[in-house]
Protein backbone atom coordinates (compact mmCIF):
# COMPACT_ATOMS: atom_id res chain seq x y z
CA MET A 1 10.71 3.65 -6.70
CA ALA A 2 9.60 2.55 -3.05
CA TYR A 3 12.25 4.66 -1.12
CA THR A 4 11.04 7.82 -3.29
CA ILE A 5 7.20 7.35 -2.84
CA LEU A 6 8.06 6.98 1.20
CA LYS A 7 10.47 10.12 0.95
CA ASP A 8 7.60 12.08 -1.48
CA LEU A 9 4.70 11.39 1.52
CA GLU A 10 6.92 12.30 4.48
CA GLY A 11 5.17 15.23 6.04
CA THR A 12 1.81 14.46 4.72
CA GLU A 13 -1.25 13.65 6.51
CA ASP A 14 -0.91 10.35 8.43
CA ASN A 15 -2.79 8.76 11.18
CA GLU A 16 -3.38 5.25 12.72
CA GLU A 17 -6.02 3.93 11.88
CA ASN A 18 -6.55 0.87 9.87
CA HIS A 19 -7.16 0.73 5.95
CA LEU A 20 -7.72 -1.71 3.76
CA VAL A 21 -5.87 -1.34 0.33
CA LEU A 22 -7.25 -3.11 -2.55
CA TYR A 23 -5.67 -2.93 -5.97
CA ASP A 24 -6.14 -4.63 -9.49
CA LEU A 25 -3.22 -5.13 -11.83
CA LYS A 26 -3.54 -5.48 -15.46
CA GLY A 27 -2.05 -8.66 -16.61
CA HIS A 28 0.87 -10.27 -14.82
CA PRO A 29 2.68 -7.94 -12.36
CA SER A 30 6.03 -7.08 -12.78
CA GLU A 31 8.20 -8.73 -10.17
CA TYR A 32 9.42 -5.11 -9.51
CA PHE A 33 5.84 -4.23 -8.38
CA TYR A 34 6.39 -7.12 -5.36
CA LYS A 35 9.83 -6.22 -4.83
CA ASN A 36 8.82 -2.41 -4.20
CA LEU A 37 5.89 -3.33 -2.23
CA HIS A 38 7.57 -5.33 0.10
CA ARG A 39 10.12 -2.50 0.65
CA ILE A 40 7.40 -0.45 1.71
CA MET A 41 5.68 -3.12 3.89
CA ASP A 42 9.25 -3.96 5.53
CA SER A 43 10.00 -0.32 5.81
CA ARG A 44 6.87 1.10 7.34
CA GLY A 45 6.19 -2.15 9.54
CA ASP A 46 2.58 -1.88 9.89
CA ALA A 47 0.92 -3.82 6.48
CA LYS A 48 0.33 -7.10 6.18
CA ARG A 49 -1.35 -8.94 3.36
CA ILE A 50 -5.02 -10.19 3.72
CA GLN A 51 -5.07 -11.71 0.12
CA ALA A 52 -3.28 -11.54 -3.28
CA SER A 53 -4.86 -8.12 -3.96
CA THR A 54 -5.56 -6.90 -0.51
CA ILE A 55 -3.46 -5.12 2.07
CA GLU A 56 -4.10 -3.86 5.57
CA CYS A 57 -2.21 -1.06 6.62
CA GLY A 58 -2.09 0.26 10.14
CA SER A 59 -1.65 4.17 9.09
CA LEU A 60 -3.02 6.09 6.07
CA ARG A 61 0.54 7.06 5.05
CA THR A 62 1.38 3.22 4.14
CA ALA A 63 -2.01 2.83 2.35
CA LYS A 64 -0.76 5.79 0.59
CA ALA A 65 2.27 4.74 -0.28
CA ILE A 66 1.11 1.29 -1.55
CA HIS A 67 -1.47 3.26 -3.40
CA GLN A 68 0.66 5.32 -5.38
CA LEU A 69 3.02 2.51 -5.98
CA ALA A 70 0.26 -0.05 -7.51
CA GLU A 71 -0.72 2.99 -9.49
CA ASN A 72 2.49 3.24 -11.34
CA TYR A 73 2.55 -0.48 -12.31
CA GLY A 74 -1.21 0.58 -13.78
CA ALA A 75 -3.58 -0.86 -11.38
CA HIS A 76 -7.06 0.23 -10.46
CA VAL A 77 -6.61 0.83 -6.71
CA LEU A 78 -9.15 1.88 -3.94
CA ILE A 79 -8.34 2.42 0.02
CA TYR A 80 -10.94 1.97 2.54
CA ARG A 81 -10.75 2.99 6.51
CA ALA A 82 -11.43 -0.24 8.36
CA GLU A 83 -12.23 -1.52 11.49
CA LEU A 84 -12.37 -4.90 12.98
CA VAL A 85 -15.93 -5.88 14.06
CA LYS A 86 -14.93 -9.47 14.76
């Protein structure tokens, strides 16, 4: 699923600004969610987990990929543009 999402997002709008992806999965998430999440993070190379359900992304395309993945698993997901202040 991860690679399909990434392929679908090729050629879409992107930038190199920081974004935060916050997601809330209902119940206990599938192990496949985490495997696919790590595939996206490893493939893109610009994302890191901040907290259990918060991921900092170095590009909009990575944030959109994680957003789409989490939604596919039934999560409520938000993307915020982020600027490190201190």
